[in-house]
Amino acid sequence: MSRRISVLRPEPGNRVTAAAIEARGHGAIRMPLFAVRALAWDAPDADAFDALILTSANAVRHAGPGLTALLGLPVYAVGAATAEAARRAGFDVVCVGTKGAEALLATAEAAGIHHALHLAGRERTLESGGIVARVIPVYASEPDAPQDAARLAGSIALVQSARAAARLGYVVDAAGIDRGGIALVAVSARAAEAAGQGWEHVVVADDPRGEALIEAAIALAD
């Protein structure tokens, strides 16, 4: 019998990833480690920028009516889910990156972008500098107390950020669960490092996209 796969990302992405795993005939443990909430913000003058950088669909989902003032900016997005959220909000997505935020910025710069606006989470990896003229936090991911953390024991855990990796380690240790019985599939080497030591096995996916993470987790589960 294959092992269950723990999905740790916040909603609504959690149920989307879990459903994709279940559609492949595997069991998913839905255990968000964070809850996302909107932050108050004021939309700047769009004319001061030549592009909008989005690295998470949460920036679109939680930004609210302020997005309307920015619809004229071309969007550079990390990931298909972020790009789709931006299109649904009315943006023109000119580039969808698959290699992370830094690679997306390099692509944008090569395309002639010099003064980009980044709508982001309160906890983020990109800051102002280079082609990013300004960063505005529009949402926050707050640690959430998981229901019945003991379900993590023996599972394959999808770790989709460094922050989630550190939180997973805290939750597992606080619940007295043996790390040696849990295998991790991490989105990046940075996330794998943030998880710390003692896990049964740690795999860093070759591709950061969700489909690749699921494939890697299923390979371990079987």
N, C-alpha and C. Protein backbone atom coordinates (compact mmCIF):
# COMPACT_ATOMS: atom_id res chain seq x y z
N MET A 1 0.85 -1.20 0.00
CA MET A 1 0.00 0.00 0.00
C MET A 1 0.88 1.25 0.00
N SER A 2 0.58 2.20 -0.87
CA SER A 2 1.40 3.40 -0.97
C SER A 2 1.18 4.32 0.23
N ARG A 3 2.18 5.11 0.52
CA ARG A 3 2.10 6.04 1.64
C ARG A 3 1.29 7.27 1.25
N ARG A 4 0.69 7.91 2.25
CA ARG A 4 -0.08 9.11 1.99
C ARG A 4 0.86 10.32 1.84
N ILE A 5 0.37 11.31 1.14
CA ILE A 5 1.16 12.51 0.85
C ILE A 5 0.53 13.68 1.60
N SER A 6 1.33 14.35 2.43
CA SER A 6 0.85 15.48 3.22
C SER A 6 1.00 16.77 2.42
N VAL A 7 -0.10 17.49 2.28
CA VAL A 7 -0.12 18.77 1.56
C VAL A 7 -0.19 19.88 2.60
N LEU A 8 0.81 20.75 2.63
CA LEU A 8 0.98 21.71 3.72
C LEU A 8 0.67 23.15 3.33
N ARG A 9 0.48 23.42 2.04
CA ARG A 9 0.27 24.80 1.59
C ARG A 9 -1.07 25.33 2.06
N PRO A 10 -1.23 26.66 2.12
CA PRO A 10 -2.51 27.24 2.56
C PRO A 10 -3.62 26.97 1.56
N GLU A 11 -4.86 27.18 2.01
CA GLU A 11 -5.99 27.16 1.09
C GLU A 11 -6.01 28.48 0.29
N PRO A 12 -6.55 28.47 -0.94
CA PRO A 12 -7.25 27.36 -1.59
C PRO A 12 -6.34 26.39 -2.32
N GLY A 13 -5.02 26.70 -2.37
CA GLY A 13 -4.10 25.82 -3.08
C GLY A 13 -4.02 24.44 -2.48
N ASN A 14 -4.25 24.33 -1.16
CA ASN A 14 -4.15 23.03 -0.51
C ASN A 14 -5.11 22.02 -1.12
N ARG A 15 -6.37 22.40 -1.25
CA ARG A 15 -7.35 21.44 -1.77
C ARG A 15 -7.13 21.14 -3.25
N VAL A 16 -6.56 22.12 -3.99
CA VAL A 16 -6.27 21.87 -5.40
C VAL A 16 -5.18 20.81 -5.54
N THR A 17 -4.10 20.97 -4.76
CA THR A 17 -3.00 20.01 -4.82
C THR A 17 -3.46 18.64 -4.30
N ALA A 18 -4.21 18.63 -3.21
CA ALA A 18 -4.69 17.36 -2.66
C ALA A 18 -5.59 16.64 -3.65
N ALA A 19 -6.45 17.39 -4.33
CA ALA A 19 -7.34 16.77 -5.32
C ALA A 19 -6.55 16.18 -6.48
N ALA A 20 -5.47 16.85 -6.89
CA ALA A 20 -4.63 16.33 -7.97
C ALA A 20 -3.96 15.02 -7.55
N ILE A 21 -3.55 14.94 -6.29
CA ILE A 21 -2.94 13.71 -5.78
C ILE A 21 -3.97 12.59 -5.73
N GLU A 22 -5.14 12.91 -5.24
CA GLU A 22 -6.20 11.90 -5.13
C GLU A 22 -6.66 11.42 -6.50
N ALA A 23 -6.63 12.30 -7.49
CA ALA A 23 -7.01 11.91 -8.85
C ALA A 23 -6.03 10.89 -9.44
N ARG A 24 -4.83 10.86 -8.88
CA ARG A 24 -3.82 9.89 -9.31
C ARG A 24 -3.92 8.58 -8.53
N GLY A 25 -4.93 8.49 -7.66
CA GLY A 25 -5.15 7.26 -6.91
C GLY A 25 -4.36 7.15 -5.63
N HIS A 26 -3.85 8.28 -5.11
CA HIS A 26 -3.08 8.28 -3.87
C HIS A 26 -3.81 9.05 -2.79
N GLY A 27 -3.51 8.71 -1.54
CA GLY A 27 -4.14 9.38 -0.42
C GLY A 27 -3.43 10.69 -0.10
N ALA A 28 -4.20 11.72 0.19
CA ALA A 28 -3.64 13.02 0.54
C ALA A 28 -4.09 13.42 1.94
N ILE A 29 -3.16 13.98 2.70
CA ILE A 29 -3.46 14.53 4.02
C ILE A 29 -3.50 16.04 3.88
N ARG A 30 -4.67 16.63 4.07
CA ARG A 30 -4.83 18.07 3.90
C ARG A 30 -4.54 18.76 5.23
N MET A 31 -3.36 19.37 5.31
CA MET A 31 -2.92 19.96 6.57
C MET A 31 -2.23 21.30 6.33
N PRO A 32 -3.00 22.35 6.05
CA PRO A 32 -2.38 23.67 5.85
C PRO A 32 -1.63 24.12 7.10
N LEU A 33 -0.41 24.59 6.91
CA LEU A 33 0.38 25.08 8.04
C LEU A 33 0.26 26.59 8.21
N PHE A 34 -0.39 27.26 7.23
CA PHE A 34 -0.57 28.70 7.29
C PHE A 34 -1.98 29.05 6.80
N ALA A 35 -2.51 30.16 7.30
CA ALA A 35 -3.75 30.72 6.81
C ALA A 35 -3.43 32.10 6.22
N VAL A 36 -3.97 32.39 5.05
CA VAL A 36 -3.66 33.64 4.35
C VAL A 36 -4.75 34.67 4.62
N ARG A 37 -4.33 35.89 4.90
CA ARG A 37 -5.29 36.98 5.11
C ARG A 37 -4.84 38.21 4.35
N ALA A 38 -5.78 39.05 3.97
CA ALA A 38 -5.48 40.27 3.22
C ALA A 38 -4.91 41.34 4.14
N LEU A 39 -4.04 42.19 3.60
CA LEU A 39 -3.51 43.35 4.29
C LEU A 39 -4.06 44.63 3.64
N ALA A 40 -4.22 45.66 4.43
CA ALA A 40 -4.64 46.95 3.88
C ALA A 40 -3.48 47.56 3.09
N TRP A 41 -3.79 48.13 1.92
CA TRP A 41 -2.75 48.78 1.12
C TRP A 41 -3.41 49.80 0.20
N ASP A 42 -2.61 50.75 -0.26
CA ASP A 42 -3.08 51.77 -1.19
C ASP A 42 -2.37 51.58 -2.52
N ALA A 43 -3.12 51.56 -3.60
CA ALA A 43 -2.55 51.40 -4.92
C ALA A 43 -1.74 52.64 -5.30
N PRO A 44 -0.52 52.46 -5.78
CA PRO A 44 0.29 53.60 -6.22
C PRO A 44 -0.13 54.05 -7.62
N ASP A 45 0.48 55.09 -8.10
CA ASP A 45 0.24 55.57 -9.45
C ASP A 45 0.87 54.58 -10.43
N ALA A 46 0.05 53.94 -11.25
CA ALA A 46 0.56 52.93 -12.18
C ALA A 46 1.55 53.50 -13.18
N ASP A 47 1.44 54.81 -13.47
CA ASP A 47 2.33 55.43 -14.45
C ASP A 47 3.79 55.46 -13.99
N ALA A 48 4.02 55.20 -12.71
CA ALA A 48 5.39 55.20 -12.19
C ALA A 48 6.11 53.88 -12.46
N PHE A 49 5.40 52.91 -13.03
CA PHE A 49 5.97 51.58 -13.22
C PHE A 49 5.77 51.10 -14.65
N ASP A 50 6.61 50.17 -15.07
CA ASP A 50 6.48 49.63 -16.42
C ASP A 50 6.09 48.14 -16.43
N ALA A 51 5.89 47.55 -15.26
CA ALA A 51 5.45 46.16 -15.20
C ALA A 51 5.02 45.82 -13.78
N LEU A 52 4.26 44.76 -13.66
CA LEU A 52 3.83 44.24 -12.36
C LEU A 52 4.41 42.84 -12.20
N ILE A 53 5.12 42.62 -11.11
CA ILE A 53 5.72 41.31 -10.82
C ILE A 53 4.83 40.60 -9.81
N LEU A 54 4.41 39.39 -10.14
CA LEU A 54 3.59 38.58 -9.24
C LEU A 54 4.24 37.21 -9.08
N THR A 55 4.51 36.82 -7.84
CA THR A 55 5.12 35.52 -7.59
C THR A 55 4.19 34.55 -6.90
N SER A 56 2.97 35.00 -6.57
CA SER A 56 1.99 34.13 -5.92
C SER A 56 0.58 34.55 -6.32
N ALA A 57 -0.26 33.56 -6.56
CA ALA A 57 -1.67 33.85 -6.86
C ALA A 57 -2.35 34.52 -5.68
N ASN A 58 -1.81 34.36 -4.48
CA ASN A 58 -2.41 35.00 -3.30
C ASN A 58 -2.38 36.52 -3.41
N ALA A 59 -1.40 37.06 -4.11
CA ALA A 59 -1.33 38.51 -4.28
C ALA A 59 -2.54 39.01 -5.06
N VAL A 60 -3.02 38.22 -6.00
CA VAL A 60 -4.19 38.59 -6.78
C VAL A 60 -5.47 38.32 -5.98
N ARG A 61 -5.53 37.16 -5.33
CA ARG A 61 -6.73 36.77 -4.59
C ARG A 61 -7.05 37.74 -3.45
N HIS A 62 -6.02 38.30 -2.82
CA HIS A 62 -6.24 39.07 -1.60
C HIS A 62 -5.98 40.57 -1.75
N ALA A 63 -5.62 41.01 -2.94
CA ALA A 63 -5.31 42.43 -3.11
C ALA A 63 -6.54 43.30 -3.10
N GLY A 64 -7.68 42.76 -3.51
CA GLY A 64 -8.91 43.53 -3.46
C GLY A 64 -9.05 44.54 -4.59
N PRO A 65 -9.89 45.56 -4.38
CA PRO A 65 -10.21 46.51 -5.46
C PRO A 65 -9.04 47.37 -5.91
N GLY A 66 -7.98 47.45 -5.12
CA GLY A 66 -6.81 48.23 -5.51
C GLY A 66 -6.17 47.76 -6.80
N LEU A 67 -6.42 46.50 -7.18
CA LEU A 67 -5.84 45.96 -8.40
C LEU A 67 -6.33 46.71 -9.63
N THR A 68 -7.54 47.23 -9.58
CA THR A 68 -8.14 47.88 -10.75
C THR A 68 -7.26 49.00 -11.29
N ALA A 69 -6.62 49.74 -10.40
CA ALA A 69 -5.79 50.86 -10.82
C ALA A 69 -4.51 50.42 -11.54
N LEU A 70 -4.20 49.12 -11.46
CA LEU A 70 -2.94 48.62 -12.02
C LEU A 70 -3.14 47.78 -13.27
N LEU A 71 -4.37 47.68 -13.74
CA LEU A 71 -4.67 46.76 -14.84
C LEU A 71 -3.93 47.09 -16.14
N GLY A 72 -3.45 48.30 -16.28
CA GLY A 72 -2.72 48.67 -17.49
C GLY A 72 -1.29 48.17 -17.52
N LEU A 73 -0.80 47.64 -16.41
CA LEU A 73 0.59 47.17 -16.35
C LEU A 73 0.70 45.74 -16.87
N PRO A 74 1.69 45.46 -17.71
CA PRO A 74 1.92 44.08 -18.13
C PRO A 74 2.43 43.26 -16.95
N VAL A 75 2.01 42.01 -16.87
CA VAL A 75 2.34 41.17 -15.73
C VAL A 75 3.40 40.14 -16.09
N TYR A 76 4.39 40.03 -15.23
CA TYR A 76 5.38 38.95 -15.26
C TYR A 76 5.07 38.08 -14.04
N ALA A 77 4.71 36.83 -14.27
CA ALA A 77 4.22 35.98 -13.19
C ALA A 77 5.09 34.73 -13.03
N VAL A 78 5.23 34.30 -11.80
CA VAL A 78 5.89 33.02 -11.51
C VAL A 78 4.81 31.94 -11.40
N GLY A 79 4.82 31.00 -12.31
CA GLY A 79 3.92 29.87 -12.22
C GLY A 79 2.60 30.05 -12.94
N ALA A 80 2.06 28.93 -13.42
CA ALA A 80 0.82 28.95 -14.18
C ALA A 80 -0.37 29.40 -13.33
N ALA A 81 -0.40 29.00 -12.05
CA ALA A 81 -1.52 29.37 -11.20
C ALA A 81 -1.57 30.88 -10.97
N THR A 82 -0.41 31.49 -10.77
CA THR A 82 -0.34 32.94 -10.58
C THR A 82 -0.77 33.65 -11.86
N ALA A 83 -0.29 33.15 -12.99
CA ALA A 83 -0.65 33.76 -14.27
C ALA A 83 -2.14 33.67 -14.53
N GLU A 84 -2.74 32.52 -14.22
CA GLU A 84 -4.17 32.35 -14.45
C GLU A 84 -4.99 33.28 -13.56
N ALA A 85 -4.58 33.43 -12.31
CA ALA A 85 -5.28 34.34 -11.41
C ALA A 85 -5.20 35.77 -11.93
N ALA A 86 -4.04 36.15 -12.46
CA ALA A 86 -3.87 37.50 -13.00
C ALA A 86 -4.75 37.71 -14.23
N ARG A 87 -4.82 36.73 -15.09
CA ARG A 87 -5.67 36.85 -16.30
C ARG A 87 -7.14 36.99 -15.90
N ARG A 88 -7.56 36.21 -14.94
CA ARG A 88 -8.95 36.29 -14.50
C ARG A 88 -9.29 37.66 -13.91
N ALA A 89 -8.28 38.31 -13.34
CA ALA A 89 -8.49 39.65 -12.77
C ALA A 89 -8.45 40.73 -13.84
N GLY A 90 -8.10 40.36 -15.08
CA GLY A 90 -8.11 41.32 -16.17
C GLY A 90 -6.76 41.79 -16.64
N PHE A 91 -5.68 41.21 -16.12
CA PHE A 91 -4.33 41.63 -16.51
C PHE A 91 -3.88 40.96 -17.81
N ASP A 92 -2.96 41.64 -18.49
CA ASP A 92 -2.27 41.07 -19.64
C ASP A 92 -0.98 40.43 -19.14
N VAL A 93 -0.94 39.11 -19.13
CA VAL A 93 0.26 38.39 -18.67
C VAL A 93 1.18 38.18 -19.86
N VAL A 94 2.33 38.82 -19.82
CA VAL A 94 3.26 38.76 -20.95
C VAL A 94 4.34 37.70 -20.77
N CYS A 95 4.51 37.20 -19.55
CA CYS A 95 5.54 36.18 -19.32
C CYS A 95 5.15 35.34 -18.12
N VAL A 96 5.28 34.02 -18.26
CA VAL A 96 5.04 33.08 -17.16
C VAL A 96 6.36 32.36 -16.88
N GLY A 97 6.97 32.65 -15.75
CA GLY A 97 8.23 32.02 -15.40
C GLY A 97 8.04 30.69 -14.71
N THR A 98 8.95 29.78 -14.93
CA THR A 98 8.88 28.44 -14.32
C THR A 98 10.12 28.12 -13.48
N LYS A 99 11.04 29.07 -13.36
CA LYS A 99 12.30 28.81 -12.67
C LYS A 99 12.48 29.65 -11.41
N GLY A 100 11.41 30.27 -10.93
CA GLY A 100 11.52 31.06 -9.70
C GLY A 100 11.60 32.55 -9.96
N ALA A 101 11.55 33.32 -8.87
CA ALA A 101 11.46 34.77 -8.95
C ALA A 101 12.70 35.41 -9.57
N GLU A 102 13.87 34.98 -9.20
CA GLU A 102 15.09 35.59 -9.70
C GLU A 102 15.21 35.42 -11.21
N ALA A 103 14.87 34.24 -11.70
CA ALA A 103 14.91 34.00 -13.14
C ALA A 103 13.89 34.86 -13.87
N LEU A 104 12.73 35.05 -13.24
CA LEU A 104 11.70 35.90 -13.85
C LEU A 104 12.18 37.34 -13.96
N LEU A 105 12.84 37.84 -12.93
CA LEU A 105 13.36 39.20 -12.97
C LEU A 105 14.39 39.36 -14.08
N ALA A 106 15.22 38.36 -14.28
CA ALA A 106 16.22 38.42 -15.35
C ALA A 106 15.54 38.48 -16.72
N THR A 107 14.47 37.72 -16.87
CA THR A 107 13.72 37.74 -18.13
C THR A 107 13.08 39.10 -18.35
N ALA A 108 12.49 39.66 -17.29
CA ALA A 108 11.86 40.97 -17.40
C ALA A 108 12.88 42.05 -17.75
N GLU A 109 14.03 41.99 -17.12
CA GLU A 109 15.07 42.98 -17.40
C GLU A 109 15.53 42.88 -18.85
N ALA A 110 15.69 41.65 -19.33
CA ALA A 110 16.11 41.45 -20.72
C ALA A 110 15.07 41.98 -21.70
N ALA A 111 13.80 42.01 -21.25
CA ALA A 111 12.72 42.52 -22.10
C ALA A 111 12.60 44.05 -22.03
N GLY A 112 13.45 44.69 -21.23
CA GLY A 112 13.45 46.14 -21.16
C GLY A 112 12.72 46.74 -19.98
N ILE A 113 12.35 45.91 -19.00
CA ILE A 113 11.69 46.41 -17.79
C ILE A 113 12.72 47.03 -16.86
N HIS A 114 12.41 48.24 -16.32
CA HIS A 114 13.36 48.93 -15.45
C HIS A 114 12.75 49.40 -14.13
N HIS A 115 11.42 49.55 -14.07
CA HIS A 115 10.77 50.08 -12.87
C HIS A 115 9.51 49.25 -12.58
N ALA A 116 9.72 48.06 -12.06
CA ALA A 116 8.59 47.14 -11.82
C ALA A 116 8.03 47.32 -10.41
N LEU A 117 6.74 47.06 -10.31
CA LEU A 117 6.05 47.01 -9.02
C LEU A 117 5.82 45.55 -8.66
N HIS A 118 6.12 45.21 -7.42
CA HIS A 118 5.92 43.82 -6.97
C HIS A 118 4.87 43.80 -5.87
N LEU A 119 3.72 43.19 -6.12
CA LEU A 119 2.73 42.94 -5.08
C LEU A 119 3.05 41.59 -4.47
N ALA A 120 3.20 41.56 -3.16
CA ALA A 120 3.78 40.38 -2.52
C ALA A 120 3.13 40.08 -1.19
N GLY A 121 3.62 39.02 -0.57
CA GLY A 121 3.23 38.69 0.79
C GLY A 121 4.08 39.47 1.78
N ARG A 122 3.61 39.54 2.99
CA ARG A 122 4.40 40.21 4.04
C ARG A 122 5.73 39.49 4.23
N GLU A 123 5.70 38.17 4.19
CA GLU A 123 6.91 37.36 4.24
C GLU A 123 7.26 37.00 2.81
N ARG A 124 8.40 37.42 2.32
CA ARG A 124 8.71 37.28 0.91
C ARG A 124 10.21 37.13 0.70
N THR A 125 10.58 36.82 -0.53
CA THR A 125 11.99 36.67 -0.88
C THR A 125 12.52 37.84 -1.68
N LEU A 126 11.65 38.52 -2.45
CA LEU A 126 12.09 39.65 -3.26
C LEU A 126 11.91 40.96 -2.50
N GLU A 127 12.89 41.84 -2.60
CA GLU A 127 12.81 43.17 -2.03
C GLU A 127 13.10 44.20 -3.12
N SER A 128 12.93 45.45 -2.81
CA SER A 128 13.23 46.50 -3.78
C SER A 128 14.71 46.48 -4.13
N GLY A 129 14.98 46.78 -5.39
CA GLY A 129 16.35 46.79 -5.88
C GLY A 129 16.40 46.25 -7.29
N GLY A 130 17.39 46.69 -8.05
CA GLY A 130 17.45 46.28 -9.44
C GLY A 130 16.27 46.84 -10.20
N ILE A 131 15.56 45.97 -10.93
CA ILE A 131 14.41 46.44 -11.71
C ILE A 131 13.16 46.59 -10.85
N VAL A 132 13.20 46.09 -9.60
CA VAL A 132 12.03 46.21 -8.72
C VAL A 132 12.08 47.55 -8.01
N ALA A 133 11.25 48.47 -8.48
CA ALA A 133 11.26 49.82 -7.93
C ALA A 133 10.54 49.90 -6.58
N ARG A 134 9.52 49.05 -6.40
CA ARG A 134 8.76 49.11 -5.15
C ARG A 134 8.11 47.76 -4.87
N VAL A 135 8.06 47.40 -3.60
CA VAL A 135 7.37 46.19 -3.15
C VAL A 135 6.25 46.60 -2.20
N ILE A 136 5.05 46.11 -2.46
CA ILE A 136 3.92 46.39 -1.58
C ILE A 136 3.34 45.07 -1.08
N PRO A 137 3.35 44.82 0.24
CA PRO A 137 2.72 43.61 0.77
C PRO A 137 1.21 43.75 0.78
N VAL A 138 0.52 42.78 0.21
CA VAL A 138 -0.95 42.83 0.14
C VAL A 138 -1.61 41.66 0.87
N TYR A 139 -0.80 40.72 1.35
CA TYR A 139 -1.35 39.60 2.12
C TYR A 139 -0.31 39.08 3.10
N ALA A 140 -0.77 38.34 4.08
CA ALA A 140 0.13 37.72 5.06
C ALA A 140 -0.26 36.27 5.26
N SER A 141 0.73 35.44 5.48
CA SER A 141 0.49 34.02 5.78
C SER A 141 0.80 33.79 7.25
N GLU A 142 -0.25 33.56 8.03
CA GLU A 142 -0.10 33.39 9.48
C GLU A 142 -0.01 31.91 9.83
N PRO A 143 0.91 31.54 10.72
CA PRO A 143 0.98 30.14 11.15
C PRO A 143 -0.36 29.65 11.66
N ASP A 144 -0.74 28.46 11.23
CA ASP A 144 -2.02 27.88 11.61
C ASP A 144 -1.75 26.58 12.38
N ALA A 145 -2.51 26.35 13.44
CA ALA A 145 -2.35 25.13 14.22
C ALA A 145 -3.03 23.98 13.49
N PRO A 146 -2.28 22.99 13.01
CA PRO A 146 -2.88 21.91 12.24
C PRO A 146 -3.73 20.99 13.11
N GLN A 147 -4.76 20.44 12.50
CA GLN A 147 -5.61 19.49 13.17
C GLN A 147 -4.96 18.10 13.15
N ASP A 148 -4.79 17.51 14.31
CA ASP A 148 -4.27 16.14 14.42
C ASP A 148 -2.95 15.97 13.69
N ALA A 149 -1.92 16.66 14.17
CA ALA A 149 -0.59 16.60 13.55
C ALA A 149 -0.04 15.18 13.48
N ALA A 150 -0.54 14.29 14.31
CA ALA A 150 -0.06 12.91 14.30
C ALA A 150 -0.24 12.23 12.95
N ARG A 151 -1.15 12.76 12.13
CA ARG A 151 -1.37 12.17 10.80
C ARG A 151 -0.15 12.30 9.91
N LEU A 152 0.75 13.22 10.25
CA LEU A 152 1.97 13.40 9.45
C LEU A 152 2.91 12.20 9.53
N ALA A 153 2.83 11.45 10.60
CA ALA A 153 3.74 10.33 10.81
C ALA A 153 3.65 9.34 9.66
N GLY A 154 4.81 9.00 9.11
CA GLY A 154 4.87 8.00 8.05
C GLY A 154 4.53 8.51 6.68
N SER A 155 4.26 9.80 6.52
CA SER A 155 3.82 10.33 5.24
C SER A 155 4.99 10.86 4.41
N ILE A 156 4.64 11.23 3.17
CA ILE A 156 5.53 12.00 2.31
C ILE A 156 5.02 13.44 2.35
N ALA A 157 5.85 14.38 2.77
CA ALA A 157 5.40 15.76 2.94
C ALA A 157 5.88 16.64 1.79
N LEU A 158 4.93 17.36 1.17
CA LEU A 158 5.27 18.33 0.13
C LEU A 158 5.66 19.64 0.79
N VAL A 159 6.88 20.08 0.59
CA VAL A 159 7.39 21.31 1.21
C VAL A 159 7.60 22.33 0.11
N GLN A 160 6.72 23.35 0.04
CA GLN A 160 6.70 24.26 -1.09
C GLN A 160 7.26 25.64 -0.81
N SER A 161 7.91 25.79 0.35
CA SER A 161 8.63 27.03 0.66
C SER A 161 9.55 26.78 1.84
N ALA A 162 10.57 27.64 1.98
CA ALA A 162 11.47 27.51 3.12
C ALA A 162 10.73 27.75 4.43
N ARG A 163 9.80 28.68 4.41
CA ARG A 163 9.05 28.98 5.63
C ARG A 163 8.19 27.79 6.04
N ALA A 164 7.57 27.12 5.06
CA ALA A 164 6.77 25.94 5.36
C ALA A 164 7.65 24.81 5.89
N ALA A 165 8.87 24.71 5.38
CA ALA A 165 9.79 23.68 5.84
C ALA A 165 10.12 23.86 7.31
N ALA A 166 10.43 25.11 7.69
CA ALA A 166 10.75 25.39 9.09
C ALA A 166 9.53 25.15 9.98
N ARG A 167 8.36 25.53 9.51
CA ARG A 167 7.13 25.33 10.27
C ARG A 167 6.82 23.85 10.44
N LEU A 168 7.05 23.06 9.39
CA LEU A 168 6.83 21.62 9.48
C LEU A 168 7.72 21.01 10.56
N GLY A 169 8.98 21.41 10.58
CA GLY A 169 9.88 20.89 11.61
C GLY A 169 9.39 21.22 13.00
N TYR A 170 8.90 22.44 13.19
CA TYR A 170 8.38 22.85 14.50
C TYR A 170 7.17 22.01 14.88
N VAL A 171 6.23 21.85 13.96
CA VAL A 171 5.00 21.10 14.24
C VAL A 171 5.30 19.65 14.57
N VAL A 172 6.17 19.04 13.80
CA VAL A 172 6.52 17.63 14.02
C VAL A 172 7.19 17.45 15.37
N ASP A 173 8.14 18.31 15.67
CA ASP A 173 8.86 18.19 16.94
C ASP A 173 7.94 18.46 18.13
N ALA A 174 7.05 19.45 18.01
CA ALA A 174 6.13 19.79 19.09
C ALA A 174 5.16 18.65 19.37
N ALA A 175 4.82 17.90 18.33
CA ALA A 175 3.89 16.79 18.49
C ALA A 175 4.58 15.49 18.88
N GLY A 176 5.91 15.52 19.00
CA GLY A 176 6.65 14.33 19.38
C GLY A 176 6.70 13.26 18.31
N ILE A 177 6.61 13.67 17.05
CA ILE A 177 6.63 12.74 15.93
C ILE A 177 8.08 12.51 15.49
N ASP A 178 8.40 11.27 15.17
CA ASP A 178 9.75 10.93 14.72
C ASP A 178 9.98 11.46 13.30
N ARG A 179 10.94 12.37 13.16
CA ARG A 179 11.26 12.88 11.83
C ARG A 179 11.73 11.76 10.90
N GLY A 180 12.34 10.76 11.47
CA GLY A 180 12.89 9.67 10.67
C GLY A 180 11.84 8.85 9.94
N GLY A 181 10.58 9.06 10.26
CA GLY A 181 9.52 8.33 9.56
C GLY A 181 8.82 9.16 8.50
N ILE A 182 9.31 10.37 8.25
CA ILE A 182 8.69 11.27 7.28
C ILE A 182 9.69 11.63 6.19
N ALA A 183 9.29 11.46 4.94
CA ALA A 183 10.12 11.85 3.80
C ALA A 183 9.62 13.17 3.26
N LEU A 184 10.54 14.00 2.77
CA LEU A 184 10.19 15.32 2.26
C LEU A 184 10.47 15.43 0.77
N VAL A 185 9.56 16.10 0.07
CA VAL A 185 9.81 16.53 -1.30
C VAL A 185 9.81 18.05 -1.27
N ALA A 186 10.97 18.66 -1.49
CA ALA A 186 11.13 20.10 -1.33
C ALA A 186 11.18 20.81 -2.67
N VAL A 187 10.63 22.02 -2.70
CA VAL A 187 10.57 22.79 -3.92
C VAL A 187 11.93 23.33 -4.34
N SER A 188 12.85 23.45 -3.37
CA SER A 188 14.17 24.02 -3.66
C SER A 188 15.17 23.54 -2.61
N ALA A 189 16.44 23.75 -2.93
CA ALA A 189 17.50 23.40 -1.96
C ALA A 189 17.36 24.26 -0.71
N ARG A 190 16.94 25.50 -0.88
CA ARG A 190 16.75 26.39 0.27
C ARG A 190 15.66 25.86 1.19
N ALA A 191 14.58 25.37 0.61
CA ALA A 191 13.51 24.80 1.43
C ALA A 191 13.98 23.54 2.14
N ALA A 192 14.74 22.71 1.45
CA ALA A 192 15.26 21.49 2.06
C ALA A 192 16.17 21.82 3.24
N GLU A 193 16.99 22.84 3.09
CA GLU A 193 17.90 23.24 4.17
C GLU A 193 17.12 23.77 5.36
N ALA A 194 16.05 24.53 5.09
CA ALA A 194 15.26 25.12 6.17
C ALA A 194 14.54 24.05 6.99
N ALA A 195 14.32 22.88 6.41
CA ALA A 195 13.63 21.80 7.13
C ALA A 195 14.50 21.21 8.23
N GLY A 196 15.81 21.39 8.13
CA GLY A 196 16.69 20.83 9.13
C GLY A 196 17.02 19.37 8.87
N GLN A 197 17.56 18.72 9.88
CA GLN A 197 18.06 17.36 9.73
C GLN A 197 17.12 16.34 10.36
N GLY A 198 17.41 15.07 10.08
CA GLY A 198 16.73 13.97 10.77
C GLY A 198 15.59 13.33 10.02
N TRP A 199 15.26 13.81 8.82
CA TRP A 199 14.15 13.24 8.06
C TRP A 199 14.56 11.92 7.41
N GLU A 200 13.58 11.10 7.14
CA GLU A 200 13.86 9.81 6.51
C GLU A 200 14.59 9.98 5.17
N HIS A 201 14.10 10.92 4.38
CA HIS A 201 14.66 11.15 3.05
C HIS A 201 14.24 12.54 2.62
N VAL A 202 15.10 13.25 1.89
CA VAL A 202 14.77 14.56 1.37
C VAL A 202 15.09 14.60 -0.11
N VAL A 203 14.09 14.89 -0.92
CA VAL A 203 14.26 15.00 -2.37
C VAL A 203 13.97 16.44 -2.77
N VAL A 204 14.87 17.04 -3.54
CA VAL A 204 14.64 18.37 -4.10
C VAL A 204 14.19 18.18 -5.53
N ALA A 205 12.99 18.66 -5.83
CA ALA A 205 12.42 18.47 -7.16
C ALA A 205 13.26 19.19 -8.22
N ASP A 206 13.38 18.57 -9.39
CA ASP A 206 14.13 19.18 -10.48
C ASP A 206 13.41 20.40 -11.06
N ASP A 207 12.10 20.42 -10.90
CA ASP A 207 11.25 21.48 -11.46
C ASP A 207 10.36 21.98 -10.32
N PRO A 208 10.32 23.31 -10.07
CA PRO A 208 9.53 23.83 -8.94
C PRO A 208 8.03 23.84 -9.15
N ARG A 209 7.56 23.51 -10.34
CA ARG A 209 6.12 23.54 -10.58
C ARG A 209 5.41 22.43 -9.81
N GLY A 210 4.14 22.69 -9.47
CA GLY A 210 3.37 21.78 -8.64
C GLY A 210 3.29 20.37 -9.20
N GLU A 211 3.15 20.24 -10.52
CA GLU A 211 3.03 18.92 -11.12
C GLU A 211 4.29 18.08 -10.87
N ALA A 212 5.45 18.73 -10.96
CA ALA A 212 6.70 18.02 -10.74
C ALA A 212 6.84 17.59 -9.28
N LEU A 213 6.40 18.44 -8.35
CA LEU A 213 6.44 18.07 -6.94
C LEU A 213 5.54 16.85 -6.66
N ILE A 214 4.38 16.87 -7.25
CA ILE A 214 3.45 15.75 -7.07
C ILE A 214 4.05 14.47 -7.63
N GLU A 215 4.65 14.56 -8.81
CA GLU A 215 5.28 13.38 -9.42
C GLU A 215 6.39 12.83 -8.52
N ALA A 216 7.19 13.72 -7.97
CA ALA A 216 8.29 13.28 -7.10
C ALA A 216 7.75 12.62 -5.83
N ALA A 217 6.67 13.19 -5.28
CA ALA A 217 6.07 12.63 -4.07
C ALA A 217 5.46 11.25 -4.34
N ILE A 218 4.80 11.11 -5.46
CA ILE A 218 4.20 9.81 -5.82
C ILE A 218 5.28 8.76 -6.02
N ALA A 219 6.41 9.16 -6.60
CA ALA A 219 7.51 8.21 -6.80
C ALA A 219 8.02 7.68 -5.46
N LEU A 220 8.07 8.57 -4.45
CA LEU A 220 8.50 8.12 -3.12
C LEU A 220 7.40 7.30 -2.44
N ALA A 221 6.15 7.70 -2.63
CA ALA A 221 5.04 7.02 -1.97
C ALA A 221 4.90 5.58 -2.44
N ASP A 222 5.22 5.36 -3.70
CA ASP A 222 5.10 4.00 -4.24
C ASP A 222 6.29 3.15 -3.89
